[in-house]
Structure formats: C-alpha cells, structure tokens
Amino acid sequence: MGPYEHPAWCARGHRCNLGEHRAHPVVMQVDGVGKVLITRVLGSNGRERMEVTGSAYLTTTGQAATRQVDRTLRGFAHVMATAAAP
C-alpha cells in the first residue's frame, strides 16, 4: 500500500489526518452500565492499533465508586494485555 492509499476498512475523509487512517468507531452500548467505542487506526509509523474510549455509570456512594474505578482499571489492564497478545 502506498503512502496515500487508504486501507479497505478506512473511513476516509476528515477522519484521516496526520498520516493516520481511521475506521468508523464501533460502539457497544450496555444498558444500565455504559458504552465503549473502539476505533481501528493505522498510524503514520505503519503500525495498527485500536483506540478504546468508554464511559460507565458509577454509584452515588464515594467509597463504592472508588472501588468501581479500581476494579475497572484492574480489569482494563487485563483486557489490554490480552489485546496485545499475538
């Protein structure tokens, strides 16, 4: 693929900038929990990656919300390690 060619999955247009190619984000809505957006990106260095953006609802209790954040970060570290495995 040449430097100006888009991969088949690329969304093209304004999503491609700074030498990167970006797909349309995939959105997963989990009722009552939150949502996650994943975008496939081909970087200007030629390496592919996925960008993950998400939001989740927290309880209204301070300590319980802190535990939710802690559990989520630990779980996300596991997910990232799994995603990075060949």
C-alpha atoms as a PDB file:
ATOM      1  CA  MET A   1       0.000   0.000   0.000  1.00  0.00           C
ATOM      2  CA  GLY A   2       1.406   3.385  -0.985  1.00  0.00           C
ATOM      3  CA  PRO A   3       1.582   6.353   1.387  1.00  0.00           C
ATOM      4  CA  TYR A   4      -1.647   7.905   0.038  1.00  0.00           C
ATOM      5  CA  GLU A   5      -3.740   4.769  -0.319  1.00  0.00           C
ATOM      6  CA  HIS A   6      -6.469   4.036   2.206  1.00  0.00           C
ATOM      7  CA  PRO A   7      -6.867   0.532   3.657  1.00  0.00           C
ATOM      8  CA  ALA A   8     -10.220  -1.100   2.838  1.00  0.00           C
ATOM      9  CA  TRP A   9     -11.547  -0.510   6.389  1.00  0.00           C
ATOM     10  CA  CYS A  10     -10.628   3.213   6.458  1.00  0.00           C
ATOM     11  CA  ALA A  11     -13.484   5.710   6.938  1.00  0.00           C
ATOM     12  CA  ARG A  12     -11.605   8.245   4.765  1.00  0.00           C
ATOM     13  CA  GLY A  13     -12.411  11.948   4.679  1.00  0.00           C
ATOM     14  CA  HIS A  14     -11.779  14.098   7.732  1.00  0.00           C
ATOM     15  CA  ARG A  15     -11.020  11.060   9.903  1.00  0.00           C
ATOM     16  CA  CYS A  16      -7.642  10.629   8.212  1.00  0.00           C
ATOM     17  CA  ASN A  17      -5.153  13.198   9.410  1.00  0.00           C
ATOM     18  CA  LEU A  18      -1.534  13.482  10.461  1.00  0.00           C
ATOM     19  CA  GLY A  19      -0.704  10.498   8.260  1.00  0.00           C
ATOM     20  CA  GLU A  20      -3.134   8.198  10.083  1.00  0.00           C
ATOM     21  CA  HIS A  21      -6.067   6.205   8.739  1.00  0.00           C
ATOM     22  CA  ARG A  22      -9.108   5.665  10.968  1.00  0.00           C
ATOM     23  CA  ALA A  23     -12.106   3.373  10.733  1.00  0.00           C
ATOM     24  CA  HIS A  24     -15.598   4.329  11.792  1.00  0.00           C
ATOM     25  CA  PRO A  25     -15.803   3.628  15.539  1.00  0.00           C
ATOM     26  CA  VAL A  26     -17.622   0.515  16.687  1.00  0.00           C
ATOM     27  CA  VAL A  27     -19.973   1.323  19.563  1.00  0.00           C
ATOM     28  CA  MET A  28     -21.125  -1.184  22.155  1.00  0.00           C
ATOM     29  CA  GLN A  29     -23.902   0.082  24.421  1.00  0.00           C
ATOM     30  CA  VAL A  30     -24.504  -1.944  27.574  1.00  0.00           C
ATOM     31  CA  ASP A  31     -27.875  -0.979  29.038  1.00  0.00           C
ATOM     32  CA  GLY A  32     -27.597   0.309  32.586  1.00  0.00           C
ATOM     33  CA  VAL A  33     -23.788   0.085  32.502  1.00  0.00           C
ATOM     34  CA  GLY A  34     -22.367   2.450  29.871  1.00  0.00           C
ATOM     35  CA  LYS A  35     -20.770   2.245  26.450  1.00  0.00           C
ATOM     36  CA  VAL A  36     -17.459   1.549  24.749  1.00  0.00           C
ATOM     37  CA  LEU A  37     -16.157   2.884  21.419  1.00  0.00           C
ATOM     38  CA  ILE A  38     -13.325   1.106  19.603  1.00  0.00           C
ATOM     39  CA  THR A  39     -11.612   2.674  16.594  1.00  0.00           C
ATOM     40  CA  ARG A  40      -9.097   0.882  14.392  1.00  0.00           C
ATOM     41  CA  VAL A  41      -6.154   3.129  13.469  1.00  0.00           C
ATOM     42  CA  LEU A  42      -3.211   2.731  11.097  1.00  0.00           C
ATOM     43  CA  GLY A  43      -0.544   5.070  12.464  1.00  0.00           C
ATOM     44  CA  SER A  44       1.834   7.179  10.413  1.00  0.00           C
ATOM     45  CA  ASN A  45       4.580   4.762  11.537  1.00  0.00           C
ATOM     46  CA  GLY A  46       2.759   1.891   9.747  1.00  0.00           C
ATOM     47  CA  ARG A  47       1.641   0.178  12.955  1.00  0.00           C
ATOM     48  CA  GLU A  48      -2.013  -0.654  13.569  1.00  0.00           C
ATOM     49  CA  ARG A  49      -3.684  -0.122  16.918  1.00  0.00           C
ATOM     50  CA  MET A  50      -7.117   0.213  18.425  1.00  0.00           C
ATOM     51  CA  GLU A  51      -8.233   3.211  20.419  1.00  0.00           C
ATOM     52  CA  VAL A  52     -10.692   2.487  23.203  1.00  0.00           C
ATOM     53  CA  THR A  53     -12.965   5.118  24.729  1.00  0.00           C
ATOM     54  CA  GLY A  54     -15.620   4.284  27.244  1.00  0.00           C
ATOM     55  CA  SER A  55     -17.916   5.519  29.916  1.00  0.00           C
ATOM     56  CA  ALA A  56     -19.608   3.667  32.753  1.00  0.00           C
ATOM     57  CA  TYR A  57     -22.035   4.763  35.401  1.00  0.00           C
ATOM     58  CA  LEU A  58     -20.797   4.934  38.988  1.00  0.00           C
ATOM     59  CA  THR A  59     -22.768   4.502  42.167  1.00  0.00           C
ATOM     60  CA  THR A  60     -23.551   7.596  44.180  1.00  0.00           C
ATOM     61  CA  THR A  61     -21.560   6.395  47.206  1.00  0.00           C
ATOM     62  CA  GLY A  62     -17.980   7.722  47.253  1.00  0.00           C
ATOM     63  CA  GLN A  63     -16.227   4.596  48.550  1.00  0.00           C
ATOM     64  CA  ALA A  64     -18.235   2.263  46.335  1.00  0.00           C
ATOM     65  CA  ALA A  65     -17.487   4.441  43.302  1.00  0.00           C
ATOM     66  CA  THR A  66     -13.786   4.340  44.180  1.00  0.00           C
ATOM     67  CA  ARG A  67     -13.956   0.521  44.293  1.00  0.00           C
ATOM     68  CA  GLN A  68     -15.710   0.509  40.910  1.00  0.00           C
ATOM     69  CA  VAL A  69     -12.927   2.626  39.392  1.00  0.00           C
ATOM     70  CA  ASP A  70     -10.247   0.403  40.944  1.00  0.00           C
ATOM     71  CA  ARG A  71     -11.869  -2.820  39.676  1.00  0.00           C
ATOM     72  CA  THR A  72     -12.336  -1.302  36.235  1.00  0.00           C
ATOM     73  CA  LEU A  73      -8.693  -0.227  35.965  1.00  0.00           C
ATOM     74  CA  ARG A  74      -7.502  -3.684  37.030  1.00  0.00           C
ATOM     75  CA  GLY A  75      -9.857  -5.346  34.557  1.00  0.00           C
ATOM     76  CA  PHE A  76      -8.857  -2.963  31.795  1.00  0.00           C
ATOM     77  CA  ALA A  77      -5.172  -3.758  32.374  1.00  0.00           C
ATOM     78  CA  HIS A  78      -6.047  -7.420  31.820  1.00  0.00           C
ATOM     79  CA  VAL A  79      -8.044  -6.611  28.670  1.00  0.00           C
ATOM     80  CA  MET A  80      -5.141  -4.550  27.262  1.00  0.00           C
ATOM     81  CA  ALA A  81      -2.652  -7.355  27.937  1.00  0.00           C
ATOM     82  CA  THR A  82      -4.992  -9.804  26.208  1.00  0.00           C
ATOM     83  CA  ALA A  83      -5.475  -7.495  23.230  1.00  0.00           C
ATOM     84  CA  ALA A  84      -1.725  -7.029  22.822  1.00  0.00           C
ATOM     85  CA  ALA A  85      -1.034 -10.790  22.760  1.00  0.00           C
ATOM     86  CA  PRO A  86      -0.347 -12.127  19.246  1.00  0.00           C
END
